Amino acid sequence: EITLRKQSEQKVTIEKLGALSRNPYALRDNLVMDDEEFSEQELMNFKKAGGDAYVNHNK
């Protein structure tokens, strides 16, 4: 049986999307924003939707 820790270290795949829709924090890979252009667009969408605070937990 796979442990929760081993499971959390797996990569996001299409087969895991159902589980991630129920628990988006289940895979560490789902919590990483390493595409700078995508991250910038996500933040701009957040701002356009009325968001005004962002906390960067990377470093």
C-alpha atoms as a PDB file:
ATOM      1  CA  GLU A   1       0.000   0.000   0.000  1.00  0.00           C
ATOM      2  CA  ILE A   2       1.302   3.439  -0.895  1.00  0.00           C
ATOM      3  CA  THR A   3       1.849   5.750   2.063  1.00  0.00           C
ATOM      4  CA  LEU A   4       0.381   9.247   2.186  1.00  0.00           C
ATOM      5  CA  ARG A   5       3.886  10.707   2.063  1.00  0.00           C
ATOM      6  CA  LYS A   6       4.813   8.749  -1.073  1.00  0.00           C
ATOM      7  CA  GLN A   7       1.479   9.671  -2.600  1.00  0.00           C
ATOM      8  CA  SER A   8       2.033  13.368  -1.876  1.00  0.00           C
ATOM      9  CA  GLU A   9       5.354  13.237  -3.747  1.00  0.00           C
ATOM     10  CA  GLN A  10       3.789  12.021  -7.007  1.00  0.00           C
ATOM     11  CA  LYS A  11       3.405  14.276 -10.035  1.00  0.00           C
ATOM     12  CA  VAL A  12       0.072  15.646 -11.203  1.00  0.00           C
ATOM     13  CA  THR A  13      -1.364  13.530 -14.013  1.00  0.00           C
ATOM     14  CA  ILE A  14      -4.716  13.419 -15.730  1.00  0.00           C
ATOM     15  CA  GLU A  15      -5.546  10.277 -13.738  1.00  0.00           C
ATOM     16  CA  LYS A  16      -5.161  12.229 -10.482  1.00  0.00           C
ATOM     17  CA  LEU A  17      -7.380  15.199 -11.421  1.00  0.00           C
ATOM     18  CA  GLY A  18     -10.470  13.700  -9.771  1.00  0.00           C
ATOM     19  CA  ALA A  19      -8.655  13.294  -6.459  1.00  0.00           C
ATOM     20  CA  LEU A  20      -7.181  16.796  -6.770  1.00  0.00           C
ATOM     21  CA  SER A  21     -10.631  18.288  -7.348  1.00  0.00           C
ATOM     22  CA  ARG A  22     -11.610  16.858  -3.950  1.00  0.00           C
ATOM     23  CA  ASN A  23      -8.312  17.758  -2.249  1.00  0.00           C
ATOM     24  CA  PRO A  24      -6.103  20.238  -4.163  1.00  0.00           C
ATOM     25  CA  TYR A  25      -3.390  19.919  -1.495  1.00  0.00           C
ATOM     26  CA  ALA A  26      -2.958  16.142  -1.890  1.00  0.00           C
ATOM     27  CA  LEU A  27       0.053  16.438  -4.218  1.00  0.00           C
ATOM     28  CA  ARG A  28       2.927  18.825  -3.592  1.00  0.00           C
ATOM     29  CA  ASP A  29       3.367  19.150  -7.351  1.00  0.00           C
ATOM     30  CA  ASN A  30      -0.057  20.833  -7.490  1.00  0.00           C
ATOM     31  CA  LEU A  31       1.144  23.568  -5.118  1.00  0.00           C
ATOM     32  CA  VAL A  32       4.128  24.722  -7.188  1.00  0.00           C
ATOM     33  CA  MET A  33       3.907  27.746  -9.466  1.00  0.00           C
ATOM     34  CA  ASP A  34       7.145  27.528 -11.437  1.00  0.00           C
ATOM     35  CA  ASP A  35       5.986  29.044 -14.734  1.00  0.00           C
ATOM     36  CA  GLU A  36       6.652  32.779 -14.399  1.00  0.00           C
ATOM     37  CA  GLU A  37       4.381  33.879 -17.265  1.00  0.00           C
ATOM     38  CA  PHE A  38       1.494  31.701 -16.068  1.00  0.00           C
ATOM     39  CA  SER A  39       1.955  32.923 -12.493  1.00  0.00           C
ATOM     40  CA  GLU A  40       1.886  36.545 -13.631  1.00  0.00           C
ATOM     41  CA  GLN A  41      -1.320  35.955 -15.602  1.00  0.00           C
ATOM     42  CA  GLU A  42      -2.924  34.204 -12.620  1.00  0.00           C
ATOM     43  CA  LEU A  43      -2.066  37.162 -10.380  1.00  0.00           C
ATOM     44  CA  MET A  44      -3.441  39.647 -12.913  1.00  0.00           C
ATOM     45  CA  ASN A  45      -6.695  37.644 -13.104  1.00  0.00           C
ATOM     46  CA  PHE A  46      -6.823  37.662  -9.294  1.00  0.00           C
ATOM     47  CA  LYS A  47      -6.357  41.448  -9.262  1.00  0.00           C
ATOM     48  CA  LYS A  48      -9.025  41.985 -11.949  1.00  0.00           C
ATOM     49  CA  ALA A  49     -11.425  39.906  -9.846  1.00  0.00           C
ATOM     50  CA  GLY A  50     -10.896  42.278  -6.910  1.00  0.00           C
ATOM     51  CA  GLY A  51      -8.038  40.546  -5.118  1.00  0.00           C
ATOM     52  CA  ASP A  52      -5.625  42.892  -3.398  1.00  0.00           C
ATOM     53  CA  ALA A  53      -3.315  40.731  -1.276  1.00  0.00           C
ATOM     54  CA  TYR A  54      -0.798  38.070  -2.215  1.00  0.00           C
ATOM     55  CA  VAL A  55       1.593  36.247   0.098  1.00  0.00           C
ATOM     56  CA  ASN A  56       4.649  34.631  -1.475  1.00  0.00           C
ATOM     57  CA  HIS A  57       5.750  31.658   0.616  1.00  0.00           C
ATOM     58  CA  ASN A  58       8.721  30.770  -1.591  1.00  0.00           C
ATOM     59  CA  LYS A  59      11.892  31.830   0.258  1.00  0.00           C
END
